[in-house]
């Protein structure tokens, strides 16, 4: 803060600088018609010529003189009048300087206040920037965790589908293996009869009839043919399983979507409960560049949902799968006459983790995963459903023009 405050003892030289004295001194001398001198409090000459016998008139602003006006041939009344005039000028100058000082002090205080506020803002900005960086890092970490867990859930859903598929395949493979094993056991006994024949050849036709070898030959041929069919059935099941399980193959292929539908249908047929049937109504389709393994998973999941919807309805039903192509692209429809959905359930059907199944019966990722697969192929998927009537899932894949 400035030292020139209200308590400051002003000196005449502080109030009148050289330019002011140059203007005021000659004007006062001309008014008095005489030589004039202006002195400081310690009688230091500020302006004019001081005669040895000059009369001095003190200049008082408050209580004590701050200087003198001196003149030799000047009447006392005129000298006093000139001094009052100078005092009035000095008071005006004093008010100006004090107002200027107050203004400077206020500006300085405001500036210091602004500097302090600026420093606080910089400090606060630094804290907010650090907090923002920490929050951003935490959000990225949480997003990474969520993505990792979501991927784990997708993998779990995929593994669950593969597990259900494997259970159905195990049951289907066990059937042909059972009768193959039985047939081979029977054929082994037939070979035993031929060994016994070796010992009884001497008995001739009677031995052939006694061992019933004519039946053995005829039934043996039937057993081998039946066994060959069982082996072919196992080969077909393994081929379907191999084709279906190609989910993680990253390269795209030019494929027939009908083949993907047939693969998924052949797998789901092994899991159909009594009273639920599956019908394919497939029209010729153009080839599509796609990931066949992903489409297999898509169709299997939707067909299984349709089967479960009929099962939940507690009545016989039919899962109908149709395909056709038009000028815009390929259209697939999977319809069931099962339990159906309410409007609220339809609105949430594609949300991850939403399921109408009982707790523990599903992860709620089937339709969500299906939608992601369709979108990855630049397609769209729609759902129409009526409670106690059924549901139709419609899928569209655009084809190049």
Protein backbone atom coordinates (compact mmCIF):
# COMPACT_ATOMS: atom_id res chain seq x y z
CA UNK A 1 0.00 0.00 0.00
CA UNK A 2 1.21 3.60 -0.73
CA UNK A 3 2.74 5.75 2.05
CA UNK A 4 0.79 8.79 0.82
CA UNK A 5 -2.32 8.10 2.93
CA UNK A 6 -4.51 10.24 5.14
CA UNK A 7 -1.89 10.31 7.93
CA UNK A 8 0.91 11.48 5.66
CA UNK A 9 2.47 14.88 6.48
CA UNK A 10 2.54 16.59 3.15
CA UNK A 11 5.35 18.93 2.11
CA UNK A 12 4.86 21.84 -0.23
CA UNK A 13 7.37 20.40 -2.67
CA UNK A 14 5.29 17.18 -2.89
CA UNK A 15 2.15 19.11 -3.83
CA UNK A 16 3.78 21.50 -6.30
CA UNK A 17 6.14 20.03 -8.84
CA UNK A 18 8.35 22.15 -11.12
CA UNK A 19 5.80 22.48 -13.97
CA UNK A 20 3.13 23.61 -11.48
CA UNK A 21 5.47 26.17 -9.87
CA UNK A 22 6.41 27.45 -13.34
CA UNK A 23 2.74 28.11 -14.06
CA UNK A 24 1.58 29.37 -10.62
CA UNK A 25 4.59 31.51 -9.55
CA UNK A 26 4.62 34.04 -12.44
CA UNK A 27 0.82 34.35 -12.32
CA UNK A 28 0.88 35.22 -8.60
CA UNK A 29 3.78 37.68 -9.05
CA UNK A 30 1.91 39.43 -11.83
CA UNK A 31 -1.23 39.67 -9.69
CA UNK A 32 0.79 41.17 -6.78
CA UNK A 33 2.86 43.40 -9.05
CA UNK A 34 5.98 42.44 -7.16
CA UNK A 35 8.69 39.87 -6.86
CA UNK A 36 7.51 36.71 -5.16
CA UNK A 37 9.14 33.63 -3.66
CA UNK A 38 7.66 30.29 -2.68
CA UNK A 39 9.50 28.45 0.08
CA UNK A 40 9.26 24.95 1.52
CA UNK A 41 8.70 24.32 5.27
CA UNK A 42 12.45 24.42 5.89
CA UNK A 43 12.62 27.68 3.87
CA UNK A 44 14.19 25.94 0.90
CA UNK A 45 13.47 28.07 -2.17
CA UNK A 46 11.13 26.33 -4.56
CA UNK A 47 10.47 29.20 -6.94
CA UNK A 48 11.24 32.91 -7.36
CA UNK A 49 13.82 35.29 -5.83
CA UNK A 50 14.00 35.67 -2.06
CA UNK A 51 14.94 39.16 -0.92
CA UNK A 52 16.72 39.41 2.49
CA UNK A 53 13.98 41.61 3.93
CA UNK A 54 11.05 39.78 2.34
CA UNK A 55 7.95 39.33 4.46
CA UNK A 56 6.83 35.65 4.88
CA UNK A 57 3.26 34.42 4.95
CA UNK A 58 2.84 30.79 6.14
CA UNK A 59 0.91 28.31 4.00
CA UNK A 60 -1.27 26.18 6.35
CA UNK A 61 -3.39 23.24 5.12
CA UNK A 62 -4.44 21.86 8.50
CA UNK A 63 -2.55 22.89 11.68
CA UNK A 64 1.09 23.34 10.84
CA UNK A 65 2.64 25.41 8.04
CA UNK A 66 3.95 23.36 5.12
CA UNK A 67 5.68 26.34 3.43
CA UNK A 68 5.78 30.09 2.91
CA UNK A 69 4.96 32.76 0.35
CA UNK A 70 7.45 35.63 0.59
CA UNK A 71 7.57 39.12 -0.95
CA UNK A 72 9.50 42.31 -0.19
CA UNK A 73 7.34 45.18 -1.54
CA UNK A 74 3.99 43.55 -1.08
CA UNK A 75 1.23 44.79 1.15
CA UNK A 76 0.41 42.30 3.98
CA UNK A 77 -3.24 42.02 2.85
CA UNK A 78 -2.23 41.24 -0.72
CA UNK A 79 0.37 38.74 0.48
CA UNK A 80 -2.25 37.05 2.67
CA UNK A 81 -4.72 36.95 -0.25
CA UNK A 82 -2.09 35.40 -2.51
CA UNK A 83 -1.31 32.87 0.20
CA UNK A 84 -5.01 31.95 0.51
CA UNK A 85 -5.21 31.53 -3.25
CA UNK A 86 -2.18 29.23 -3.19
CA UNK A 87 -3.65 27.35 -0.23
CA UNK A 88 -6.88 26.78 -2.16
CA UNK A 89 -4.87 25.45 -5.10
CA UNK A 90 -2.90 23.21 -2.76
CA UNK A 91 -6.05 21.84 -1.13
CA UNK A 92 -7.43 20.95 -4.55
CA UNK A 93 -4.12 19.29 -5.44
CA UNK A 94 -4.14 17.46 -2.10
CA UNK A 95 -7.66 16.12 -2.70
CA UNK A 96 -6.61 14.96 -6.16
CA UNK A 97 -3.49 13.22 -4.86
CA UNK A 98 -5.38 11.57 -2.00
CA UNK A 99 -8.14 10.39 -4.37
CA UNK A 100 -5.48 9.17 -6.78
CA UNK A 101 -3.71 7.38 -3.94
CA UNK A 102 -6.96 5.73 -2.81
CA UNK A 103 -7.68 4.67 -6.38
CA UNK A 104 -4.21 3.20 -6.79
CA UNK A 105 -4.50 1.43 -3.47
CA UNK A 106 -7.92 0.03 -4.45
CA UNK A 107 -6.58 -1.07 -7.85
CA UNK A 108 -3.55 -2.64 -6.18
CA UNK A 109 -5.77 -4.44 -3.66
CA UNK A 110 -8.05 -5.63 -6.45
CA UNK A 111 -5.03 -6.81 -8.40
CA UNK A 112 -3.67 -8.69 -5.41
CA UNK A 113 -7.10 -10.17 -4.82
CA UNK A 114 -7.28 -11.24 -8.45
CA UNK A 115 -3.81 -12.74 -8.19
CA UNK A 116 -4.85 -14.72 -5.13
CA UNK A 117 -8.07 -15.83 -6.81
CA UNK A 118 -6.11 -16.76 -9.93
CA UNK A 119 -3.73 -18.81 -7.83
CA UNK A 120 -6.66 -20.57 -6.16
CA UNK A 121 -8.25 -21.24 -9.55
CA UNK A 122 -4.99 -22.66 -10.89
CA UNK A 123 -4.71 -24.88 -7.85
CA UNK A 124 -8.34 -25.95 -8.19
CA UNK A 125 -7.88 -26.56 -11.91
CA UNK A 126 -4.88 -28.72 -11.15
CA UNK A 127 -6.88 -30.75 -8.64
CA UNK A 128 -9.80 -31.13 -11.07
CA UNK A 129 -7.45 -32.10 -13.89
CA UNK A 130 -5.81 -34.72 -11.70
CA UNK A 131 -9.23 -35.95 -10.55
CA UNK A 132 -10.44 -36.06 -14.16
CA UNK A 133 -7.40 -38.09 -15.19
CA UNK A 134 -7.93 -40.47 -12.28
CA UNK A 135 -11.64 -40.83 -13.12
CA UNK A 136 -10.85 -41.38 -16.78
CA UNK A 137 -8.34 -44.07 -15.87
CA UNK A 138 -10.85 -45.71 -13.52
CA UNK A 139 -13.59 -45.56 -16.15
CA UNK A 140 -11.28 -47.15 -18.73
CA UNK A 141 -10.38 -49.85 -16.24
CA UNK A 142 -14.05 -50.49 -15.44
CA UNK A 143 -14.96 -50.55 -19.15
CA UNK A 144 -12.15 -53.05 -19.74
CA UNK A 145 -13.45 -55.21 -16.89
CA UNK A 146 -17.03 -55.00 -18.21
CA UNK A 147 -15.92 -55.86 -21.73
CA UNK A 148 -13.90 -58.77 -20.41
CA UNK A 149 -16.83 -60.03 -18.35
CA UNK A 150 -19.25 -59.54 -21.22
CA UNK A 151 -16.93 -61.52 -23.46
CA UNK A 152 -16.76 -64.21 -20.78
CA UNK A 153 -20.56 -64.32 -20.66
CA UNK A 154 -20.73 -64.56 -24.45
CA UNK A 155 -18.22 -67.37 -24.32
CA UNK A 156 -20.26 -69.01 -21.56
CA UNK A 157 -23.40 -68.74 -23.70
CA UNK A 158 -21.49 -70.21 -26.61
CA UNK A 159 -20.14 -73.03 -24.47
CA UNK A 160 -23.64 -73.66 -23.10
CA UNK A 161 -24.92 -74.04 -26.67
CA UNK A 162 -22.04 -76.34 -27.51
CA UNK A 163 -22.71 -78.27 -24.30
CA UNK A 164 -26.35 -78.76 -25.18
CA UNK A 165 -25.28 -79.73 -28.67
CA UNK A 166 -22.75 -82.22 -27.32
CA UNK A 167 -25.36 -83.79 -25.01
CA UNK A 168 -27.75 -84.27 -27.93
CA UNK A 169 -24.96 -85.62 -30.11
CA UNK A 170 -23.87 -88.06 -27.40
CA UNK A 171 -27.41 -89.41 -27.21
CA UNK A 172 -27.68 -89.70 -30.98
CA UNK A 173 -24.28 -91.35 -31.35
CA UNK A 174 -25.06 -93.82 -28.57
CA UNK A 175 -28.11 -95.13 -30.49
CA UNK A 176 -26.25 -96.34 -33.60
CA UNK A 177 -23.34 -97.46 -31.46
CA UNK A 178 -25.75 -99.59 -29.43
CA UNK A 179 -27.16 -101.52 -32.33
CA UNK A 180 -23.75 -101.73 -34.03
CA UNK A 181 -22.40 -103.33 -30.86
CA UNK A 182 -25.41 -105.68 -30.71
CA UNK A 183 -25.09 -106.56 -34.38
CA UNK A 184 -21.40 -107.26 -34.06
CA UNK A 185 -22.08 -109.50 -31.03
CA UNK A 186 -24.67 -111.43 -32.97
CA UNK A 187 -22.38 -111.70 -35.96
CA UNK A 188 -19.67 -113.03 -33.65
CA UNK A 189 -22.00 -115.84 -32.59
CA UNK A 190 -22.71 -116.50 -36.26
CA UNK A 191 -18.99 -116.90 -36.89
CA UNK A 192 -18.94 -119.37 -34.00
CA UNK A 193 -21.47 -121.44 -35.83
CA UNK A 194 -19.28 -121.49 -38.92
CA UNK A 195 -16.43 -122.69 -36.70
CA UNK A 196 -18.67 -125.44 -35.39
CA UNK A 197 -19.55 -126.27 -38.98
CA UNK A 198 -15.90 -126.96 -39.61
CA UNK A 199 -16.08 -129.75 -37.05
CA UNK A 200 -19.30 -131.19 -38.44
CA UNK A 201 -18.65 -131.02 -42.17
CA UNK A 202 -18.76 -134.72 -42.33
CA UNK A 203 -22.39 -134.71 -41.32
CA UNK A 204 -23.27 -132.74 -44.52
CA UNK A 205 -26.69 -131.23 -45.15
CA UNK A 206 -28.02 -132.33 -41.78
CA UNK A 207 -25.39 -130.20 -40.02
CA UNK A 208 -26.18 -127.18 -42.24
CA UNK A 209 -29.82 -127.44 -41.29
CA UNK A 210 -29.12 -128.19 -37.63
CA UNK A 211 -26.96 -125.05 -37.29
CA UNK A 212 -29.51 -122.95 -39.25
CA UNK A 213 -26.68 -121.60 -41.38
CA UNK A 214 -29.01 -120.45 -44.13
CA UNK A 215 -30.57 -117.97 -41.66
CA UNK A 216 -27.12 -117.04 -40.45
CA UNK A 217 -26.05 -116.10 -43.95
CA UNK A 218 -29.19 -114.09 -44.69
CA UNK A 219 -29.34 -112.35 -41.29
CA UNK A 220 -25.59 -111.75 -41.33
CA UNK A 221 -25.96 -109.78 -44.55
CA UNK A 222 -28.80 -107.75 -42.98
CA UNK A 223 -26.72 -107.08 -39.87
CA UNK A 224 -23.78 -105.85 -41.91
CA UNK A 225 -26.07 -103.59 -43.97
CA UNK A 226 -27.67 -102.27 -40.78
CA UNK A 227 -24.25 -101.73 -39.25
CA UNK A 228 -23.12 -99.83 -42.36
CA UNK A 229 -26.17 -97.57 -42.01
CA UNK A 230 -25.29 -96.96 -38.34
CA UNK A 231 -21.74 -96.05 -39.30
CA UNK A 232 -23.05 -93.70 -42.00
CA UNK A 233 -25.37 -92.12 -39.43
CA UNK A 234 -22.48 -91.60 -37.03
CA UNK A 235 -20.43 -90.06 -39.85
CA UNK A 236 -23.30 -87.69 -40.68
CA UNK A 237 -23.71 -86.67 -37.03
CA UNK A 238 -19.99 -86.04 -36.68
CA UNK A 239 -19.99 -84.03 -39.92
CA UNK A 240 -22.90 -81.91 -38.69
CA UNK A 241 -21.17 -81.40 -35.36
CA UNK A 242 -17.93 -80.42 -37.07
CA UNK A 243 -19.71 -78.00 -39.40
CA UNK A 244 -21.75 -76.48 -36.59
CA UNK A 245 -18.83 -76.06 -34.21
CA UNK A 246 -16.82 -73.91 -36.64
CA UNK A 247 -17.89 -70.82 -34.63
CA UNK A 248 -14.47 -69.27 -34.09
CA UNK A 249 -13.30 -69.43 -37.70
CA UNK A 250 -12.38 -65.81 -38.49
CA UNK A 251 -12.34 -65.95 -42.30
CA UNK A 252 -15.47 -65.23 -44.28
CA UNK A 253 -16.79 -67.65 -46.89
CA UNK A 254 -19.20 -67.59 -49.79
CA UNK A 255 -21.90 -69.86 -48.39
CA UNK A 256 -25.47 -71.01 -48.92
CA UNK A 257 -27.58 -69.87 -45.95
CA UNK A 258 -29.91 -72.83 -46.52
CA UNK A 259 -27.05 -75.18 -45.64
CA UNK A 260 -26.55 -73.31 -42.35
CA UNK A 261 -30.28 -73.69 -41.63
CA UNK A 262 -30.14 -77.40 -42.45
CA UNK A 263 -27.12 -77.93 -40.19
CA UNK A 264 -28.81 -76.17 -37.26
CA UNK A 265 -32.08 -78.02 -37.90
CA UNK A 266 -30.35 -81.42 -37.98
CA UNK A 267 -28.84 -80.65 -34.57
CA UNK A 268 -32.03 -79.31 -32.98
CA UNK A 269 -34.03 -82.29 -34.25
CA UNK A 270 -32.06 -84.51 -31.88
CA UNK A 271 -33.34 -82.45 -28.93
CA UNK A 272 -37.02 -82.13 -29.84
CA UNK A 273 -39.32 -83.41 -27.06
CA UNK A 274 -42.27 -85.61 -28.01
CA UNK A 275 -45.08 -83.63 -29.63
CA UNK A 276 -42.82 -80.89 -31.03
CA UNK A 277 -41.94 -81.08 -34.71
CA UNK A 278 -39.73 -79.09 -37.04
CA UNK A 279 -40.49 -78.20 -40.64
CA UNK A 280 -38.17 -76.66 -43.24
CA UNK A 281 -39.58 -74.62 -46.13
CA UNK A 282 -36.46 -73.45 -47.91
CA UNK A 283 -36.40 -71.79 -51.33
CA UNK A 284 -33.23 -71.37 -53.42
CA UNK A 285 -31.00 -68.55 -52.15
CA UNK A 286 -28.06 -66.67 -53.65
CA UNK A 287 -24.69 -67.17 -52.01
CA UNK A 288 -23.70 -64.80 -49.21
CA UNK A 289 -20.25 -63.80 -47.96
CA UNK A 290 -20.51 -64.64 -44.26
CA UNK A 291 -19.12 -66.50 -41.26
CA UNK A 292 -20.99 -69.82 -41.52
CA UNK A 293 -20.06 -70.92 -38.01
CA UNK A 294 -21.56 -67.77 -36.52
CA UNK A 295 -24.74 -68.20 -38.57
CA UNK A 296 -24.96 -71.83 -37.40
CA UNK A 297 -24.87 -70.58 -33.80
CA UNK A 298 -27.47 -67.90 -34.65
CA UNK A 299 -29.96 -70.31 -36.19
CA UNK A 300 -29.42 -73.00 -33.56
CA UNK A 301 -30.07 -70.50 -30.76
CA UNK A 302 -33.27 -69.19 -32.41
CA UNK A 303 -34.57 -72.68 -33.16
CA UNK A 304 -33.87 -73.77 -29.61
CA UNK A 305 -35.73 -70.70 -28.28
CA UNK A 306 -38.69 -71.65 -30.48
CA UNK A 307 -38.61 -75.22 -29.15
CA UNK A 308 -38.51 -74.01 -25.53
CA UNK A 309 -41.39 -71.57 -26.17
CA UNK A 310 -43.58 -74.47 -27.34
CA UNK A 311 -42.41 -76.59 -24.41
CA UNK A 312 -43.32 -73.79 -21.98
CA UNK A 313 -46.79 -73.60 -23.52
CA UNK A 314 -47.35 -77.22 -22.45
CA UNK A 315 -48.87 -78.37 -25.73
CA UNK A 316 -47.75 -79.96 -29.03
CA UNK A 317 -46.41 -77.51 -31.56
CA UNK A 318 -44.45 -76.88 -34.71
CA UNK A 319 -41.25 -74.92 -35.39
CA UNK A 320 -41.37 -73.66 -38.99
CA UNK A 321 -38.25 -72.37 -40.73
CA UNK A 322 -38.61 -70.64 -44.10
CA UNK A 323 -36.23 -68.86 -46.44
CA UNK A 324 -36.63 -66.86 -49.64
CA UNK A 325 -34.77 -64.28 -51.70
CA UNK A 326 -36.02 -61.11 -53.34
CA UNK A 327 -34.44 -58.15 -55.09
CA UNK A 328 -33.27 -56.65 -51.79
CA UNK A 329 -31.71 -59.69 -50.14
CA UNK A 330 -32.28 -62.89 -48.19
CA UNK A 331 -35.15 -63.28 -45.73
CA UNK A 332 -35.31 -65.93 -43.01
CA UNK A 333 -38.29 -66.56 -40.70
CA UNK A 334 -38.36 -68.86 -37.66
CA UNK A 335 -41.88 -69.26 -36.30
CA UNK A 336 -43.24 -71.17 -33.33
CA UNK A 337 -46.76 -71.56 -31.94
CA UNK A 338 -45.53 -71.47 -28.36
CA UNK A 339 -46.21 -69.34 -25.29
CA UNK A 340 -45.48 -65.97 -26.97
CA UNK A 341 -44.44 -62.67 -25.38
CA UNK A 342 -46.11 -59.61 -23.94
CA UNK A 343 -45.37 -56.14 -25.34
CA UNK A 344 -43.09 -55.40 -22.38
CA UNK A 345 -41.16 -58.63 -22.91
CA UNK A 346 -40.76 -57.87 -26.64
CA UNK A 347 -39.32 -54.43 -25.84
CA UNK A 348 -36.65 -56.00 -23.61
CA UNK A 349 -36.05 -59.17 -25.62
CA UNK A 350 -32.77 -58.01 -27.23
CA UNK A 351 -31.31 -56.50 -24.05
CA UNK A 352 -28.27 -58.39 -22.73
CA UNK A 353 -29.01 -60.59 -19.69
CA UNK A 354 -32.80 -60.26 -20.03
CA UNK A 355 -34.60 -63.60 -20.01
CA UNK A 356 -38.14 -64.87 -19.49
CA UNK A 357 -36.76 -68.23 -18.46
CA UNK A 358 -36.71 -69.28 -14.76
CA UNK A 359 -33.69 -68.27 -12.65
CA UNK A 360 -30.71 -70.41 -13.58
CA UNK A 361 -32.29 -71.64 -16.81
CA UNK A 362 -30.68 -69.07 -19.09
CA UNK A 363 -28.15 -66.23 -19.15
CA UNK A 364 -30.35 -63.92 -21.25
CA UNK A 365 -27.75 -63.63 -24.01
CA UNK A 366 -29.40 -65.72 -26.76
CA UNK A 367 -31.28 -62.95 -28.59
CA UNK A 368 -28.64 -60.36 -27.71
CA UNK A 369 -25.92 -62.54 -29.24
CA UNK A 370 -28.19 -63.30 -32.22
CA UNK A 371 -28.67 -59.59 -32.87
CA UNK A 372 -24.92 -58.96 -32.68
CA UNK A 373 -24.27 -61.71 -35.22
CA UNK A 374 -26.94 -60.32 -37.58
CA UNK A 375 -25.60 -56.77 -37.27
CA UNK A 376 -22.06 -58.03 -37.91
CA UNK A 377 -23.38 -59.31 -41.26
CA UNK A 378 -25.00 -55.90 -42.04
CA UNK A 379 -28.45 -57.41 -41.53
CA UNK A 380 -31.40 -56.73 -39.29
CA UNK A 381 -33.54 -58.84 -36.99
CA UNK A 382 -37.16 -58.25 -35.95
CA UNK A 383 -39.47 -59.92 -33.48
CA UNK A 384 -43.24 -60.34 -33.62
CA UNK A 385 -45.03 -62.15 -30.81
CA UNK A 386 -48.49 -62.58 -29.33
CA UNK A 387 -49.09 -64.15 -25.91
CA UNK A 388 -50.41 -67.75 -26.16
CA UNK A 389 -50.26 -67.56 -29.96
CA UNK A 390 -46.60 -67.71 -30.89
CA UNK A 391 -43.51 -65.84 -32.03
CA UNK A 392 -41.87 -65.11 -35.38
CA UNK A 393 -38.25 -64.01 -35.64
CA UNK A 394 -37.51 -62.39 -39.01
CA UNK A 395 -33.95 -61.95 -40.28
CA UNK A 396 -32.83 -60.02 -43.35
CA UNK A 397 -29.40 -60.14 -45.00
CA UNK A 398 -28.74 -57.68 -47.85
CA UNK A 399 -27.11 -59.09 -50.98
CA UNK A 400 -24.77 -57.17 -53.29
CA UNK A 401 -26.48 -55.57 -56.27
